[in-house]
């Protein structure tokens, strides 16, 4: 596998679609599960662009629904790699609504997802490093390392608790 370092811009992904009635709840807003599904897809595409190998979703951190998205509005998802580890990477996905008649955009959700690269044998494989070019990118990657440490701590606690059951 090619392990040449890559820039975040090389993984950048944008998805846009109109929110249709079959995507909505009885109040006329997109279903949270549909948003989560689209976040996972956008994150996976960004991961694939960075790794050029199979990836699986390992975790979703801190997904909050800030504002609803109405039927007829556009849902826009922007994803990019924030940090690369040895066999996994973190992707940030920002979700926006756009009113089709006015063009008004609003941030509706943000999530950080972790994906693990998987080889044909089903085992983890090494991934390309992420090129960090600016202080802002360094801070985002440092934050990703903090989220990763918390996530691994929570996983260890959950595993220990599950063993007690």
Protein backbone atom coordinates (compact mmCIF):
# COMPACT_ATOMS: atom_id res chain seq x y z
CA UNK A 1 0.00 0.00 0.00
CA UNK A 2 1.13 3.53 -0.79
CA UNK A 3 1.98 5.40 2.44
CA UNK A 4 2.91 8.78 0.98
CA UNK A 5 1.70 11.53 3.32
CA UNK A 6 -1.45 13.32 2.18
CA UNK A 7 -3.00 16.72 2.85
CA UNK A 8 -6.46 17.14 4.36
CA UNK A 9 -7.60 18.81 1.12
CA UNK A 10 -6.99 15.55 -0.73
CA UNK A 11 -9.69 13.84 1.34
CA UNK A 12 -12.18 16.71 1.30
CA UNK A 13 -15.66 15.54 0.42
CA UNK A 14 -18.90 17.43 -0.11
CA UNK A 15 -22.28 15.77 -0.50
CA UNK A 16 -25.50 17.62 -1.29
CA UNK A 17 -29.04 16.35 -1.58
CA UNK A 18 -32.56 17.66 -1.24
CA UNK A 19 -34.53 16.55 1.81
CA UNK A 20 -37.58 14.66 0.55
CA UNK A 21 -40.74 13.65 2.45
CA UNK A 22 -39.60 10.02 2.71
CA UNK A 23 -36.54 11.29 4.69
CA UNK A 24 -38.69 13.15 7.22
CA UNK A 25 -40.60 12.69 10.44
CA UNK A 26 -44.28 13.73 10.82
CA UNK A 27 -43.16 17.29 11.70
CA UNK A 28 -41.54 17.72 8.29
CA UNK A 29 -37.91 17.58 9.47
CA UNK A 30 -35.23 15.14 8.30
CA UNK A 31 -34.92 12.07 10.52
CA UNK A 32 -31.91 12.02 12.84
CA UNK A 33 -31.09 8.50 11.66
CA UNK A 34 -30.98 9.70 8.06
CA UNK A 35 -28.56 12.47 9.04
CA UNK A 36 -26.39 9.95 10.89
CA UNK A 37 -26.40 7.65 7.85
CA UNK A 38 -25.29 10.50 5.58
CA UNK A 39 -22.59 11.58 8.07
CA UNK A 40 -21.22 8.03 8.05
CA UNK A 41 -21.15 7.94 4.25
CA UNK A 42 -19.43 11.34 3.94
CA UNK A 43 -16.88 10.31 6.56
CA UNK A 44 -16.23 6.99 4.85
CA UNK A 45 -15.66 8.70 1.49
CA UNK A 46 -13.13 11.11 3.03
CA UNK A 47 -11.42 8.14 4.71
CA UNK A 48 -11.31 6.17 1.47
CA UNK A 49 -9.79 9.14 -0.34
CA UNK A 50 -7.04 9.33 2.27
CA UNK A 51 -6.32 5.62 2.68
CA UNK A 52 -7.36 4.15 -0.69
CA UNK A 53 -8.32 0.98 1.13
CA UNK A 54 -11.40 -0.47 2.83
CA UNK A 55 -12.46 1.30 6.00
CA UNK A 56 -14.95 0.53 8.75
CA UNK A 57 -16.53 2.94 11.18
CA UNK A 58 -15.10 2.47 14.67
CA UNK A 59 -16.64 5.39 16.56
CA UNK A 60 -18.72 8.53 16.32
CA UNK A 61 -17.94 11.25 18.84
CA UNK A 62 -20.24 13.95 20.13
CA UNK A 63 -22.95 14.15 17.49
CA UNK A 64 -25.47 16.85 18.32
CA UNK A 65 -28.42 18.11 16.32
CA UNK A 66 -28.25 21.90 16.61
CA UNK A 67 -31.05 22.85 14.20
CA UNK A 68 -33.66 20.89 12.23
CA UNK A 69 -33.57 20.58 8.44
CA UNK A 70 -36.92 20.95 6.70
CA UNK A 71 -38.33 18.98 3.79
CA UNK A 72 -37.40 20.87 0.62
CA UNK A 73 -34.15 22.24 2.05
CA UNK A 74 -30.76 21.00 0.95
CA UNK A 75 -28.58 19.00 3.32
CA UNK A 76 -24.89 19.64 2.75
CA UNK A 77 -22.20 17.48 4.34
CA UNK A 78 -18.55 18.52 4.30
CA UNK A 79 -15.97 15.99 5.48
CA UNK A 80 -12.19 15.94 5.77
CA UNK A 81 -9.50 14.02 7.62
CA UNK A 82 -8.36 15.80 10.80
CA UNK A 83 -5.71 13.37 12.01
CA UNK A 84 -4.17 10.07 10.94
CA UNK A 85 -2.90 7.49 13.41
CA UNK A 86 -1.24 4.15 12.54
CA UNK A 87 -4.22 2.17 11.22
CA UNK A 88 -7.05 4.58 11.94
CA UNK A 89 -7.98 8.16 11.23
CA UNK A 90 -10.39 10.79 12.43
CA UNK A 91 -12.74 12.61 10.08
CA UNK A 92 -14.71 15.77 10.83
CA UNK A 93 -18.13 16.03 9.20
CA UNK A 94 -20.00 19.33 9.27
CA UNK A 95 -23.67 19.28 8.27
CA UNK A 96 -25.48 22.35 6.95
CA UNK A 97 -28.99 23.10 5.83
CA UNK A 98 -29.56 25.42 2.90
CA UNK A 99 -32.90 27.03 2.18
CA UNK A 100 -33.40 26.44 -1.52
CA UNK A 101 -35.13 29.74 -2.27
CA UNK A 102 -32.91 32.06 -0.23
CA UNK A 103 -29.57 30.23 -0.12
CA UNK A 104 -29.39 30.80 3.65
CA UNK A 105 -27.05 28.23 5.22
CA UNK A 106 -26.96 27.08 8.80
CA UNK A 107 -24.69 24.62 10.63
CA UNK A 108 -27.00 21.88 11.88
CA UNK A 109 -24.63 19.16 13.11
CA UNK A 110 -20.97 18.36 13.54
CA UNK A 111 -19.43 14.99 14.24
CA UNK A 112 -16.02 13.41 14.54
CA UNK A 113 -15.80 9.83 13.30
CA UNK A 114 -13.02 7.29 13.58
CA UNK A 115 -12.44 4.85 10.76
CA UNK A 116 -10.10 1.85 10.75
CA UNK A 117 -8.35 0.71 7.56
CA UNK A 118 -8.87 -2.96 6.79
CA UNK A 119 -6.91 -5.10 4.33
CA UNK A 120 -8.31 -7.88 2.18
CA UNK A 121 -7.56 -10.39 4.95
CA UNK A 122 -9.76 -8.41 7.35
CA UNK A 123 -6.81 -7.23 9.44
CA UNK A 124 -5.89 -3.63 10.16
CA UNK A 125 -3.44 -2.02 7.74
CA UNK A 126 -1.17 1.00 8.00
CA UNK A 127 -2.42 4.25 6.50
CA UNK A 128 -0.68 7.30 5.03
CA UNK A 129 0.26 10.05 7.49
CA UNK A 130 -1.57 13.37 7.33
CA UNK A 131 0.48 16.39 6.31
CA UNK A 132 0.06 19.13 8.92
CA UNK A 133 0.82 22.49 7.31
CA UNK A 134 -0.60 25.17 9.61
CA UNK A 135 -0.94 25.92 13.30
CA UNK A 136 -4.71 25.52 12.95
CA UNK A 137 -4.29 22.03 11.46
CA UNK A 138 -1.87 21.14 14.29
CA UNK A 139 -4.45 22.24 16.88
CA UNK A 140 -7.20 20.21 15.19
CA UNK A 141 -4.94 17.14 15.14
CA UNK A 142 -3.97 17.68 18.79
CA UNK A 143 -7.69 17.83 19.66
CA UNK A 144 -8.17 14.57 17.71
CA UNK A 145 -5.45 12.94 19.84
CA UNK A 146 -7.29 14.06 23.00
CA UNK A 147 -10.61 12.68 21.69
CA UNK A 148 -8.86 9.42 20.79
CA UNK A 149 -7.38 9.07 24.29
CA UNK A 150 -10.84 9.63 25.84
CA UNK A 151 -12.44 7.18 23.42
CA UNK A 152 -9.86 4.48 24.16
CA UNK A 153 -10.37 5.03 27.91
CA UNK A 154 -14.15 4.67 27.54
CA UNK A 155 -13.68 1.55 25.40
CA UNK A 156 -11.43 -0.04 28.03
CA UNK A 157 -13.99 0.77 30.77
CA UNK A 158 -16.85 -0.65 28.68
CA UNK A 159 -14.85 -3.80 27.94
CA UNK A 160 -14.09 -4.27 31.64
CA UNK A 161 -17.75 -3.74 32.56
CA UNK A 162 -18.91 -6.15 29.83
CA UNK A 163 -16.55 -8.78 31.24
CA UNK A 164 -18.28 -8.45 34.62
CA UNK A 165 -21.72 -9.18 33.17
